[in-house]
Protein backbone atom coordinates (compact mmCIF):
# COMPACT_ATOMS: atom_id res chain seq x y z
CA UNK A 1 5.64 59.15 -23.11
CA UNK A 2 4.49 62.05 -20.63
CA UNK A 3 4.58 60.59 -16.89
CA UNK A 4 0.63 59.47 -16.41
CA UNK A 5 -0.33 59.55 -13.07
CA UNK A 6 -2.33 56.20 -12.07
CA UNK A 7 -1.79 56.94 -8.28
CA UNK A 8 -1.66 60.95 -7.18
CA UNK A 9 -0.16 59.86 -3.64
CA UNK A 10 2.65 57.88 -5.58
CA UNK A 11 3.50 59.24 -9.07
CA UNK A 12 5.13 56.06 -11.15
CA UNK A 13 9.10 56.73 -11.93
CA UNK A 14 8.40 56.19 -15.57
CA UNK A 15 5.99 57.11 -17.95
CA UNK A 16 3.21 54.76 -18.93
CA UNK A 17 0.31 55.09 -21.44
CA UNK A 18 -2.60 55.64 -19.34
CA UNK A 19 -6.02 53.51 -19.39
CA UNK A 20 -8.05 55.03 -22.37
CA UNK A 21 -11.69 55.87 -20.89
CA UNK A 22 -14.81 54.22 -22.84
CA UNK A 23 -15.81 56.65 -25.08
CA UNK A 24 -19.88 57.59 -24.95
CA UNK A 25 -20.31 56.48 -21.47
CA UNK A 26 -18.84 59.51 -20.24
CA UNK A 27 -21.11 62.54 -18.31
CA UNK A 28 -21.87 65.16 -20.14
CA UNK A 29 -20.37 68.27 -18.92
CA UNK A 30 -20.92 72.37 -19.03
CA UNK A 31 -17.81 73.30 -20.74
CA UNK A 32 -16.82 77.12 -21.09
CA UNK A 33 -13.69 77.94 -23.76
CA UNK A 34 -12.51 81.19 -23.32
CA UNK A 35 -10.86 82.49 -25.99
CA UNK A 36 -11.44 81.81 -29.55
CA UNK A 37 -8.48 81.68 -31.31
CA UNK A 38 -6.88 78.64 -33.24
CA UNK A 39 -6.24 76.60 -30.35
CA UNK A 40 -9.15 77.43 -28.34
CA UNK A 41 -11.52 76.99 -31.04
CA UNK A 42 -10.37 73.28 -32.16
CA UNK A 43 -10.19 72.02 -28.04
CA UNK A 44 -13.94 73.53 -27.89
CA UNK A 45 -14.91 71.55 -31.21
CA UNK A 46 -13.03 68.64 -29.77
CA UNK A 47 -14.83 68.69 -26.65
CA UNK A 48 -18.64 69.35 -28.66
CA UNK A 49 -17.81 66.48 -30.59
CA UNK A 50 -17.52 64.71 -27.60
CA UNK A 51 -20.72 65.56 -26.37
CA UNK A 52 -20.31 68.19 -24.02
CA UNK A 53 -22.59 71.38 -23.79
CA UNK A 54 -19.93 73.69 -24.95
CA UNK A 55 -20.32 77.58 -25.05
CA UNK A 56 -17.23 79.77 -26.50
CA UNK A 57 -15.90 83.11 -25.28
CA UNK A 58 -14.97 85.41 -28.94
CA UNK A 59 -13.76 88.97 -28.16
CA UNK A 60 -14.86 89.84 -31.99
CA UNK A 61 -18.24 89.96 -32.53
CA UNK A 62 -17.91 89.12 -35.85
CA UNK A 63 -16.60 85.85 -35.08
CA UNK A 64 -19.49 85.06 -32.85
CA UNK A 65 -21.94 85.28 -35.40
CA UNK A 66 -20.02 83.28 -37.36
CA UNK A 67 -19.85 80.16 -35.08
CA UNK A 68 -23.47 80.49 -34.28
CA UNK A 69 -25.06 81.16 -37.61
CA UNK A 70 -22.40 79.32 -40.11
CA UNK A 71 -20.58 77.69 -37.92
CA UNK A 72 -17.11 78.66 -38.60
CA UNK A 73 -14.25 80.67 -37.61
CA UNK A 74 -12.49 82.00 -41.00
CA UNK A 75 -10.55 84.63 -38.92
CA UNK A 76 -8.77 81.78 -37.17
CA UNK A 77 -9.46 78.39 -38.25
CA UNK A 78 -10.54 78.84 -41.76
CA UNK A 79 -11.83 75.46 -43.37
CA UNK A 80 -13.06 73.62 -40.54
CA UNK A 81 -16.54 73.26 -39.71
CA UNK A 82 -17.83 73.39 -36.44
CA UNK A 83 -20.50 71.26 -35.18
CA UNK A 84 -23.99 72.46 -34.70
CA UNK A 85 -24.26 72.46 -30.72
CA UNK A 86 -21.00 73.83 -30.63
CA UNK A 87 -22.30 78.28 -29.31
CA UNK A 88 -20.50 81.08 -28.79
CA UNK A 89 -20.57 84.55 -27.14
CA UNK A 90 -18.87 87.80 -26.72
CA UNK A 91 -20.03 88.15 -23.21
CA UNK A 92 -16.70 86.33 -20.98
CA UNK A 93 -18.67 86.21 -17.92
CA UNK A 94 -21.44 84.48 -19.40
CA UNK A 95 -19.34 81.84 -20.86
CA UNK A 96 -17.87 81.10 -17.70
CA UNK A 97 -21.21 81.10 -15.57
CA UNK A 98 -22.56 77.75 -14.60
CA UNK A 99 -19.84 75.67 -15.66
CA UNK A 100 -18.27 72.34 -14.71
CA UNK A 101 -15.52 73.08 -16.50
CA UNK A 102 -13.49 76.02 -18.00
CA UNK A 103 -11.12 75.95 -20.34
CA UNK A 104 -8.46 79.19 -20.72
CA UNK A 105 -7.10 79.81 -24.36
CA UNK A 106 -6.32 83.57 -24.28
CA UNK A 107 -3.18 84.65 -25.54
CA UNK A 108 -0.54 85.61 -22.66
CA UNK A 109 -0.50 89.10 -23.12
CA UNK A 110 -4.53 89.52 -22.43
CA UNK A 111 -4.79 86.05 -20.37
CA UNK A 112 -4.81 87.48 -16.92
CA UNK A 113 -7.12 90.97 -17.66
CA UNK A 114 -9.69 88.62 -19.42
CA UNK A 115 -9.74 85.95 -16.28
CA UNK A 116 -10.52 89.41 -13.62
CA UNK A 117 -13.74 89.79 -16.51
CA UNK A 118 -15.10 86.11 -14.81
CA UNK A 119 -13.65 86.04 -11.38
CA UNK A 120 -17.16 86.98 -10.31
CA UNK A 121 -19.06 83.53 -11.75
CA UNK A 122 -20.58 82.17 -8.85
CA UNK A 123 -18.61 78.81 -10.09
CA UNK A 124 -15.52 79.69 -9.88
CA UNK A 125 -15.60 82.22 -6.49
CA UNK A 126 -16.59 78.92 -5.07
CA UNK A 127 -14.23 76.85 -6.49
CA UNK A 128 -16.79 74.53 -8.43
CA UNK A 129 -15.46 74.45 -11.78
CA UNK A 130 -12.18 72.51 -12.74
CA UNK A 131 -9.93 75.15 -14.47
CA UNK A 132 -7.73 73.89 -17.51
CA UNK A 133 -5.05 76.48 -19.36
CA UNK A 134 -3.86 76.40 -22.51
CA UNK A 135 -2.09 79.52 -22.68
CA UNK A 136 1.68 79.54 -23.55
CA UNK A 137 4.41 81.83 -22.32
CA UNK A 138 4.47 84.13 -19.15
CA UNK A 139 2.66 87.02 -17.71
CA UNK A 140 3.67 90.66 -16.59
CA UNK A 141 3.81 91.52 -13.02
CA UNK A 142 5.02 93.73 -10.51
CA UNK A 143 7.10 91.22 -9.38
CA UNK A 144 8.32 90.51 -13.00
CA UNK A 145 7.79 87.67 -15.05
CA UNK A 146 6.09 84.87 -14.22
CA UNK A 147 5.21 81.65 -15.11
CA UNK A 148 1.24 81.18 -15.90
CA UNK A 149 -0.02 78.91 -13.46
CA UNK A 150 1.53 80.50 -10.47
CA UNK A 151 0.37 84.19 -11.84
CA UNK A 152 -3.31 82.84 -11.87
CA UNK A 153 -3.60 81.25 -8.38
CA UNK A 154 -3.12 85.11 -7.38
CA UNK A 155 -5.50 86.18 -8.82
CA UNK A 156 -8.37 83.34 -8.63
CA UNK A 157 -9.84 82.03 -4.92
CA UNK A 158 -7.98 79.79 -2.64
CA UNK A 159 -9.52 76.88 -3.65
CA UNK A 160 -7.82 76.94 -7.00
CA UNK A 161 -4.25 77.04 -5.58
CA UNK A 162 -2.51 73.82 -6.42
CA UNK A 163 -5.63 72.89 -8.42
CA UNK A 164 -5.23 74.32 -11.74
CA UNK A 165 -4.46 72.29 -14.77
CA UNK A 166 -2.10 73.17 -17.06
CA UNK A 167 -2.08 71.72 -20.84
CA UNK A 168 0.82 71.43 -23.56
CA UNK A 169 1.95 69.22 -26.07
CA UNK A 170 2.71 68.91 -29.53
CA UNK A 171 -1.01 70.12 -30.98
CA UNK A 172 -0.91 72.65 -33.52
CA UNK A 173 -4.87 73.62 -33.98
CA UNK A 174 -5.06 72.84 -37.66
CA UNK A 175 -4.32 69.01 -36.83
CA UNK A 176 -6.51 68.76 -33.88
CA UNK A 177 -9.36 70.42 -35.80
CA UNK A 178 -9.56 67.80 -38.39
CA UNK A 179 -9.46 64.76 -36.03
CA UNK A 180 -5.38 64.05 -36.45
CA UNK A 181 -4.04 62.01 -33.83
CA UNK A 182 -2.52 64.36 -31.33
CA UNK A 183 -1.12 63.77 -28.02
CA UNK A 184 -1.07 66.14 -24.73
CA UNK A 185 0.28 66.74 -21.03
CA UNK A 186 -2.13 67.64 -18.50
CA UNK A 187 0.03 68.93 -15.75
CA UNK A 188 -1.48 69.57 -12.20
CA UNK A 189 -0.28 69.33 -8.56
CA UNK A 190 -3.34 68.19 -7.91
CA UNK A 191 -3.08 64.52 -9.53
CA UNK A 192 -7.10 64.43 -9.46
CA UNK A 193 -7.63 67.04 -11.27
CA UNK A 194 -5.14 66.26 -14.09
CA UNK A 195 -6.91 62.86 -14.64
CA UNK A 196 -10.34 64.82 -14.36
CA UNK A 197 -8.71 66.95 -17.33
CA UNK A 198 -7.80 63.94 -19.20
CA UNK A 199 -11.03 62.53 -18.97
CA UNK A 200 -12.54 65.70 -19.90
CA UNK A 201 -10.37 66.50 -22.89
CA UNK A 202 -9.58 62.73 -24.25
CA UNK A 203 -11.18 61.76 -27.68
CA UNK A 204 -10.33 58.95 -29.96
CA UNK A 205 -7.50 61.08 -31.42
CA UNK A 206 -6.42 62.97 -28.86
CA UNK A 207 -4.85 61.38 -25.91
CA UNK A 208 -4.08 62.91 -22.94
CA UNK A 209 -1.52 61.89 -20.43
CA UNK A 210 -1.63 63.63 -16.85
CA UNK A 211 1.53 64.40 -15.26
CA UNK A 212 2.85 66.20 -11.75
CA UNK A 213 5.33 68.47 -13.44
CA UNK A 214 3.66 71.76 -13.34
CA UNK A 215 6.47 73.61 -13.73
CA UNK A 216 8.17 71.78 -16.22
CA UNK A 217 5.60 71.59 -19.15
CA UNK A 218 5.03 75.09 -18.70
CA UNK A 219 8.07 76.41 -19.40
CA UNK A 220 8.38 73.70 -22.48
CA UNK A 221 5.21 75.34 -23.63
CA UNK A 222 6.48 78.71 -23.59
CA UNK A 223 10.40 78.43 -24.35
CA UNK A 224 10.26 76.37 -27.12
CA UNK A 225 8.21 79.14 -29.00
CA UNK A 226 11.69 81.07 -28.80
CA UNK A 227 13.82 78.28 -30.13
CA UNK A 228 11.27 78.17 -33.10
CA UNK A 229 12.00 81.48 -34.12
CA UNK A 230 15.62 80.92 -34.37
CA UNK A 231 15.20 77.63 -35.95
CA UNK A 232 12.86 79.63 -38.87
CA UNK A 233 15.53 81.91 -39.30
CA UNK A 234 18.52 79.31 -39.73
CA UNK A 235 15.83 77.32 -41.84
CA UNK A 236 15.64 80.69 -44.04
CA UNK A 237 18.83 81.07 -44.19
CA UNK A 238 19.62 77.56 -45.21
CA UNK A 239 18.38 78.11 -48.58
CA UNK A 240 20.86 81.15 -48.96
CA UNK A 241 23.96 79.35 -47.65
CA UNK A 242 26.86 76.78 -48.19
CA UNK A 243 27.38 76.46 -44.85
CA UNK A 244 23.66 75.78 -42.92
CA UNK A 245 21.94 72.79 -43.64
CA UNK A 246 19.63 70.05 -42.15
CA UNK A 247 22.59 68.77 -39.40
CA UNK A 248 22.92 72.40 -38.17
CA UNK A 249 19.21 72.85 -37.67
CA UNK A 250 19.54 69.26 -35.35
CA UNK A 251 22.28 71.13 -33.43
CA UNK A 252 20.18 73.97 -32.94
CA UNK A 253 17.05 72.08 -32.09
CA UNK A 254 19.08 69.99 -29.83
CA UNK A 255 21.13 73.05 -28.01
CA UNK A 256 17.52 74.34 -27.38
CA UNK A 257 16.35 71.73 -25.63
CA UNK A 258 19.10 71.84 -23.28
CA UNK A 259 18.48 75.52 -22.29
CA UNK A 260 14.77 75.04 -21.82
CA UNK A 261 16.05 71.92 -19.52
CA UNK A 262 18.39 74.11 -17.66
CA UNK A 263 15.61 76.84 -17.16
CA UNK A 264 12.92 74.44 -16.33
CA UNK A 265 15.06 72.67 -13.53
CA UNK A 266 16.00 76.45 -12.45
CA UNK A 267 12.61 77.22 -12.24
CA UNK A 268 11.22 74.22 -10.23
CA UNK A 269 10.72 71.59 -12.54
CA UNK A 270 9.87 68.11 -10.77
CA UNK A 271 10.39 65.31 -13.45
CA UNK A 272 13.53 65.27 -15.65
CA UNK A 273 11.86 62.91 -18.07
CA UNK A 274 9.13 65.99 -18.57
CA UNK A 275 11.85 67.59 -21.16
CA UNK A 276 12.35 64.05 -23.24
CA UNK A 277 8.37 63.66 -23.29
CA UNK A 278 5.70 64.89 -25.31
CA UNK A 279 5.54 68.31 -23.25
CA UNK A 280 9.21 68.94 -24.38
CA UNK A 281 11.04 67.28 -27.06
CA UNK A 282 7.37 66.52 -28.74
CA UNK A 283 6.49 69.48 -28.79
CA UNK A 284 9.68 71.61 -29.66
CA UNK A 285 9.81 69.59 -32.25
CA UNK A 286 6.51 70.16 -34.07
CA UNK A 287 7.06 73.97 -33.36
CA UNK A 288 10.44 74.20 -35.22
CA UNK A 289 9.45 71.89 -38.29
CA UNK A 290 5.90 72.40 -38.48
CA UNK A 291 4.63 74.75 -41.78
CA UNK A 292 1.26 75.09 -39.32
CA UNK A 293 4.22 77.28 -36.58
CA UNK A 294 3.90 80.99 -36.46
CA UNK A 295 7.24 81.07 -34.17
CA UNK A 296 8.63 79.25 -36.73
CA UNK A 297 7.05 81.60 -39.62
CA UNK A 298 8.01 84.99 -37.79
CA UNK A 299 11.61 83.51 -37.77
CA UNK A 300 11.61 82.33 -41.80
CA UNK A 301 9.73 86.33 -42.19
CA UNK A 302 12.47 88.17 -40.17
CA UNK A 303 15.44 87.15 -42.42
CA UNK A 304 13.05 86.89 -46.22
CA UNK A 305 10.59 89.88 -45.90
CA UNK A 306 12.31 92.04 -43.11
CA UNK A 307 9.61 91.76 -41.18
CA UNK A 308 11.21 93.60 -38.34
CA UNK A 309 12.22 96.42 -40.38
CA UNK A 310 9.27 98.59 -39.28
CA UNK A 311 10.22 98.54 -35.45
CA UNK A 312 12.75 100.36 -33.59
CA UNK A 313 13.28 97.83 -31.26
CA UNK A 314 11.80 94.84 -29.34
CA UNK A 315 9.54 97.05 -26.91
CA UNK A 316 8.34 99.15 -29.77
CA UNK A 317 7.56 95.62 -31.47
CA UNK A 318 5.55 94.07 -28.60
CA UNK A 319 3.76 97.58 -28.59
CA UNK A 320 2.50 97.26 -32.21
CA UNK A 321 2.64 93.19 -32.92
CA UNK A 322 -0.63 93.24 -34.25
CA UNK A 323 0.91 95.01 -37.16
CA UNK A 324 2.26 91.00 -38.08
CA UNK A 325 -1.29 89.66 -38.74
CA UNK A 326 -0.49 87.01 -35.99
CA UNK A 327 0.94 86.39 -32.85
CA UNK A 328 4.17 84.88 -32.58
CA UNK A 329 4.40 84.04 -28.30
CA UNK A 330 7.81 83.49 -28.45
CA UNK A 331 8.54 87.57 -28.98
CA UNK A 332 7.11 88.55 -25.79
CA UNK A 333 8.27 85.24 -24.45
CA UNK A 334 12.03 86.02 -25.20
CA UNK A 335 11.84 89.49 -23.30
CA UNK A 336 10.75 87.86 -20.11
CA UNK A 337 13.19 84.82 -20.53
CA UNK A 338 16.13 87.33 -21.02
CA UNK A 339 15.08 89.09 -17.54
CA UNK A 340 14.52 85.51 -15.44
CA UNK A 341 17.82 84.11 -16.97
CA UNK A 342 19.69 87.40 -16.18
CA UNK A 343 18.31 87.37 -12.88
CA UNK A 344 19.18 83.72 -11.75
CA UNK A 345 22.52 83.86 -14.17
CA UNK A 346 21.05 80.63 -16.08
CA UNK A 347 22.70 80.78 -19.82
CA UNK A 348 20.60 80.88 -22.33
CA UNK A 349 22.67 82.19 -25.45
CA UNK A 350 19.86 81.38 -28.21
CA UNK A 351 17.03 83.05 -25.96
CA UNK A 352 19.24 85.46 -25.23
CA UNK A 353 20.38 86.09 -29.18
CA UNK A 354 16.36 85.75 -30.44
CA UNK A 355 15.83 88.87 -27.65
CA UNK A 356 18.58 90.83 -29.47
CA UNK A 357 17.58 89.98 -32.87
CA UNK A 358 13.90 91.67 -32.06
CA UNK A 359 16.32 94.10 -30.07
CA UNK A 360 17.64 95.25 -33.55
CA UNK A 361 21.15 94.51 -31.87
CA UNK A 362 22.15 92.53 -34.56
CA UNK A 363 21.04 90.40 -37.64
CA UNK A 364 20.39 86.99 -38.00
CA UNK A 365 23.01 85.44 -39.83
CA UNK A 366 25.66 87.69 -37.29
CA UNK A 367 23.71 85.74 -34.35
CA UNK A 368 23.90 81.87 -36.08
CA UNK A 369 27.34 82.80 -36.80
CA UNK A 370 28.37 83.99 -32.94
CA UNK A 371 26.37 81.29 -31.32
CA UNK A 372 28.29 78.62 -33.61
CA UNK A 373 31.33 80.14 -32.98
CA UNK A 374 31.05 80.36 -29.10
CA UNK A 375 30.19 76.65 -29.39
CA UNK A 376 33.59 75.83 -30.76
CA UNK A 377 35.25 77.70 -27.51
CA UNK A 378 33.41 75.67 -24.73
């Protein structure tokens, strides 16, 4: 279990299940959800069902119309009926203004640009809104790739330094939107804000566990997507090979977790147990094995459909990634992790191998065989 925070000034030494709130007695809050992809829509649905006043920002006018008129988001979360009380807008500043809490759910390549569009909301300028970040990955800056929370802190008013809450865990939107049991970690340097996020998000089917390990939870959420691409490739190769099976997949998953932990510790993760909690091994497992996982799907399609064939290299893939029809966050993450790992001399053979495949330097089978061959020499 995640490292629950009971007293923010005295974090516990072991995981504990926090007491659940008394549902139905919490004060309804005004919440803006910025980003109407599958995950943002699922969280907005859960918040509205909890009795909060929710406004959801969607980029596409057709999505705004569908949510407001037909109470569906067929583009990103098909087949799910949304609450009548959930409203959508095409104006991000309107969605962010006069809100008790803001939930950021924009994909990482577009997050910073979107945040810059809502900075003038008075509640943000005065630091009155709790800000919860759902986006996984890294942000490219003039200083190189950086984790999401530390990047946003440079642009948000000083009130938010050390006060943002980062939420991650094994949480496919398809299941959350259907009310299936899900656990999340809410990490913040401000323990009270982590608890506030728990109180905001938690429901009868969504359990939220406060954490102080902001870096560790972010690293788990970002790097597991790269491992899931490798897992998807091996899963597809398994059907074509007498060498790869379930055992080899578990070997890859365990080795991937080791890379995630090494990377997190190098970047400043504070709690080793983060990597063995739902934020770490839990999220990695579901991302690698679930049929809902976009990164696993991308890895499989690299092998089965040769989806990389139209792209010259990794840079070309990033420029035209919309042609895939979905965004595997592990693709841009592999480029960023490669840069950070090289600069800090962190061994990351799986993540480096995924990047080399996306860069058209070697094939998935060559990578898997090269990687397994390297294990025998250690």
